[in-house]
Amino acid sequence: MFDQAGQEKYKSLTRFYYRGACAALLVYDITRWETFKHVASWLEDVRDLGNKNMTIMLIGNKYDISAYKREVSTEEGEQFSKENGLAFLETSCKTAHNV
């Protein structure tokens, strides 16, 4: 498993990560809209550089955080996933929800 942290400075390395990979997990923080905004470009990179038969899953992280701090709704994650043919779930590393 490789974590490129979604940072631009690691973008040149992504083609090496995607080569031969059978799956990609696109993880965003449900309490930060900014991370969700990047999902479309991450997906484009995965599809351009990865195996055409790769399984891709969108994951909203920090499910344990209270609802008033949430900036990305479950419905927004589900809708993006549906429109792009991705599996979707929300998870919490803190509570092990869906881990």
Foldseek 3Di string as FASTA:
>chain_A
DDDPVLDPVCVVVVLVVQEPAQEEEQEAEQLDVVSVVCSVVVVVCNCVRHDVNHAYEYEHEDPVDDPVSGPHDPVNQVVVCVVVVHHYDYAYPVVGRVD
